[in-house]
C-alpha atoms as a PDB file:
ATOM      1  CA  UNK A   1      -2.180 -30.510  -9.737  1.00  0.00           C
ATOM      2  CA  UNK A   2       0.457 -28.437  -7.847  1.00  0.00           C
ATOM      3  CA  UNK A   3      -1.971 -25.476  -7.446  1.00  0.00           C
ATOM      4  CA  UNK A   4      -4.726 -27.766  -5.912  1.00  0.00           C
ATOM      5  CA  UNK A   5      -2.085 -28.701  -3.259  1.00  0.00           C
ATOM      6  CA  UNK A   6      -0.764 -25.078  -2.548  1.00  0.00           C
ATOM      7  CA  UNK A   7      -4.157 -23.410  -2.764  1.00  0.00           C
ATOM      8  CA  UNK A   8      -5.331 -24.473   0.822  1.00  0.00           C
ATOM      9  CA  UNK A   9      -2.113 -23.306   2.384  1.00  0.00           C
ATOM     10  CA  UNK A  10      -2.242 -19.844   0.764  1.00  0.00           C
ATOM     11  CA  UNK A  11      -5.962 -19.426   1.619  1.00  0.00           C
ATOM     12  CA  UNK A  12      -5.124 -20.346   5.277  1.00  0.00           C
ATOM     13  CA  UNK A  13      -2.139 -17.869   5.262  1.00  0.00           C
ATOM     14  CA  UNK A  14      -4.283 -15.130   3.792  1.00  0.00           C
ATOM     15  CA  UNK A  15      -6.904 -15.594   6.430  1.00  0.00           C
ATOM     16  CA  UNK A  16      -4.567 -15.577   9.137  1.00  0.00           C
ATOM     17  CA  UNK A  17      -3.096 -12.362   7.809  1.00  0.00           C
ATOM     18  CA  UNK A  18      -6.646 -10.856   7.671  1.00  0.00           C
ATOM     19  CA  UNK A  19      -7.604 -11.942  11.110  1.00  0.00           C
ATOM     20  CA  UNK A  20      -4.306 -10.569  12.746  1.00  0.00           C
ATOM     21  CA  UNK A  21      -4.980  -7.438  11.096  1.00  0.00           C
ATOM     22  CA  UNK A  22      -8.394  -7.032  12.374  1.00  0.00           C
ATOM     23  CA  UNK A  23      -7.117  -7.836  15.883  1.00  0.00           C
ATOM     24  CA  UNK A  24      -4.519  -5.331  15.672  1.00  0.00           C
ATOM     25  CA  UNK A  25      -6.789  -2.714  14.636  1.00  0.00           C
ATOM     26  CA  UNK A  26      -8.848  -3.517  17.431  1.00  0.00           C
ATOM     27  CA  UNK A  27      -5.932  -3.219  19.769  1.00  0.00           C
ATOM     28  CA  UNK A  28      -5.151   0.219  18.460  1.00  0.00           C
ATOM     29  CA  UNK A  29      -8.711   1.463  18.881  1.00  0.00           C
ATOM     30  CA  UNK A  30      -8.848   0.091  22.460  1.00  0.00           C
ATOM     31  CA  UNK A  31      -5.573   2.037  23.082  1.00  0.00           C
ATOM     32  CA  UNK A  32      -6.991   5.265  21.711  1.00  0.00           C
ATOM     33  CA  UNK A  33     -10.163   5.066  23.524  1.00  0.00           C
ATOM     34  CA  UNK A  34      -7.976   4.537  26.878  1.00  0.00           C
ATOM     35  CA  UNK A  35      -5.942   7.440  26.167  1.00  0.00           C
ATOM     36  CA  UNK A  36      -8.961   9.693  25.045  1.00  0.00           C
ATOM     37  CA  UNK A  37     -10.963   8.657  28.172  1.00  0.00           C
ATOM     38  CA  UNK A  38      -8.232   9.270  30.686  1.00  0.00           C
ATOM     39  CA  UNK A  39      -7.676  12.783  28.903  1.00  0.00           C
ATOM     40  CA  UNK A  40     -11.132  13.485  29.389  1.00  0.00           C
ATOM     41  CA  UNK A  41     -11.215  12.368  32.895  1.00  0.00           C
ATOM     42  CA  UNK A  42      -8.165  14.590  33.587  1.00  0.00           C
ATOM     43  CA  UNK A  43      -9.947  17.516  32.214  1.00  0.00           C
ATOM     44  CA  UNK A  44     -13.367  16.757  33.567  1.00  0.00           C
ATOM     45  CA  UNK A  45     -13.398  14.443  36.620  1.00  0.00           C
ATOM     46  CA  UNK A  46     -16.043  11.531  36.405  1.00  0.00           C
ATOM     47  CA  UNK A  47     -16.089  11.662  32.530  1.00  0.00           C
ATOM     48  CA  UNK A  48     -13.295   9.072  31.764  1.00  0.00           C
ATOM     49  CA  UNK A  49     -15.331   6.002  31.209  1.00  0.00           C
ATOM     50  CA  UNK A  50     -17.918   7.877  29.168  1.00  0.00           C
ATOM     51  CA  UNK A  51     -15.473   9.124  26.848  1.00  0.00           C
ATOM     52  CA  UNK A  52     -13.801   5.846  26.360  1.00  0.00           C
ATOM     53  CA  UNK A  53     -17.337   4.169  25.633  1.00  0.00           C
ATOM     54  CA  UNK A  54     -17.934   6.781  23.093  1.00  0.00           C
ATOM     55  CA  UNK A  55     -14.541   6.229  21.226  1.00  0.00           C
ATOM     56  CA  UNK A  56     -15.463   2.623  20.952  1.00  0.00           C
ATOM     57  CA  UNK A  57     -19.095   2.905  20.018  1.00  0.00           C
ATOM     58  CA  UNK A  58     -18.463   2.445  16.183  1.00  0.00           C
ATOM     59  CA  UNK A  59     -16.611  -0.794  16.875  1.00  0.00           C
ATOM     60  CA  UNK A  60     -19.241  -3.684  16.582  1.00  0.00           C
ATOM     61  CA  UNK A  61     -19.531  -7.061  18.023  1.00  0.00           C
ATOM     62  CA  UNK A  62     -17.755  -6.232  21.317  1.00  0.00           C
ATOM     63  CA  UNK A  63     -18.122  -5.607  24.882  1.00  0.00           C
ATOM     64  CA  UNK A  64     -16.299  -2.931  26.708  1.00  0.00           C
ATOM     65  CA  UNK A  65     -15.211  -2.827  30.356  1.00  0.00           C
ATOM     66  CA  UNK A  66     -13.884   0.471  31.673  1.00  0.00           C
ATOM     67  CA  UNK A  67     -12.382   1.106  35.173  1.00  0.00           C
ATOM     68  CA  UNK A  68     -11.264   4.204  36.394  1.00  0.00           C
ATOM     69  CA  UNK A  69      -8.353   3.097  38.761  1.00  0.00           C
ATOM     70  CA  UNK A  70      -7.349   6.594  40.052  1.00  0.00           C
ATOM     71  CA  UNK A  71      -9.277   9.876  39.694  1.00  0.00           C
ATOM     72  CA  UNK A  72      -8.690  13.490  40.298  1.00  0.00           C
ATOM     73  CA  UNK A  73     -10.016  13.503  43.708  1.00  0.00           C
ATOM     74  CA  UNK A  74      -6.808  14.961  45.269  1.00  0.00           C
ATOM     75  CA  UNK A  75      -4.750  17.942  43.896  1.00  0.00           C
ATOM     76  CA  UNK A  76      -1.643  17.025  41.934  1.00  0.00           C
ATOM     77  CA  UNK A  77      -2.925  13.267  41.419  1.00  0.00           C
ATOM     78  CA  UNK A  78      -3.191  11.523  38.117  1.00  0.00           C
ATOM     79  CA  UNK A  79      -6.342   9.765  36.498  1.00  0.00           C
ATOM     80  CA  UNK A  80      -5.517   6.111  35.396  1.00  0.00           C
ATOM     81  CA  UNK A  81      -8.024   4.382  33.328  1.00  0.00           C
ATOM     82  CA  UNK A  82      -8.060   0.857  32.131  1.00  0.00           C
ATOM     83  CA  UNK A  83     -10.194  -0.254  29.063  1.00  0.00           C
ATOM     84  CA  UNK A  84     -10.858  -3.770  28.238  1.00  0.00           C
ATOM     85  CA  UNK A  85     -12.782  -5.028  25.241  1.00  0.00           C
ATOM     86  CA  UNK A  86     -13.680  -8.382  24.203  1.00  0.00           C
ATOM     87  CA  UNK A  87     -13.914  -9.048  20.402  1.00  0.00           C
ATOM     88  CA  UNK A  88     -15.276 -12.204  18.902  1.00  0.00           C
ATOM     89  CA  UNK A  89     -13.869 -13.879  15.866  1.00  0.00           C
ATOM     90  CA  UNK A  90     -17.030 -15.873  14.202  1.00  0.00           C
ATOM     91  CA  UNK A  91     -15.124 -17.457  11.519  1.00  0.00           C
ATOM     92  CA  UNK A  92     -12.734 -19.520  14.008  1.00  0.00           C
ATOM     93  CA  UNK A  93     -15.593 -20.980  15.970  1.00  0.00           C
ATOM     94  CA  UNK A  94     -16.859 -17.885  17.847  1.00  0.00           C
ATOM     95  CA  UNK A  95     -13.598 -17.442  19.661  1.00  0.00           C
ATOM     96  CA  UNK A  96     -13.064 -14.212  21.614  1.00  0.00           C
ATOM     97  CA  UNK A  97     -10.062 -12.028  22.083  1.00  0.00           C
ATOM     98  CA  UNK A  98      -9.584  -9.860  24.878  1.00  0.00           C
ATOM     99  CA  UNK A  99      -7.798  -6.461  24.420  1.00  0.00           C
ATOM    100  CA  UNK A 100      -6.703  -4.216  27.092  1.00  0.00           C
ATOM    101  CA  UNK A 101      -4.975  -0.803  27.546  1.00  0.00           C
ATOM    102  CA  UNK A 102      -4.280   1.317  30.642  1.00  0.00           C
ATOM    103  CA  UNK A 103      -3.358   4.933  30.316  1.00  0.00           C
ATOM    104  CA  UNK A 104      -2.309   7.487  32.840  1.00  0.00           C
ATOM    105  CA  UNK A 105      -2.659  11.272  32.761  1.00  0.00           C
ATOM    106  CA  UNK A 106      -1.942  14.307  35.005  1.00  0.00           C
ATOM    107  CA  UNK A 107      -5.033  15.939  36.536  1.00  0.00           C
ATOM    108  CA  UNK A 108      -5.670  19.394  34.905  1.00  0.00           C
ATOM    109  CA  UNK A 109      -8.254  20.442  37.494  1.00  0.00           C
END
């Protein structure tokens, strides 16, 4: 009897932990893609968004928006890249979570 009362609470708690973990992993992937894209843009100008999209290509069910806020067009400048990814959580009624990250690197060229 007591188990039947506690089981739904435990299942909901476990589900919440799993979903939070998946969103946290997605956030880490977006941060890594932003960092790698900005690094690639600092080494080879114009390559920042392509590198970020390639980094996130294995992460399914998402849309990626990449914006190069600053590029290496002037000497001594920095490249700044913002990556935004929308991830849907289908079990919660197809709700979406927007994950974003911005990285800045000094230009190497």
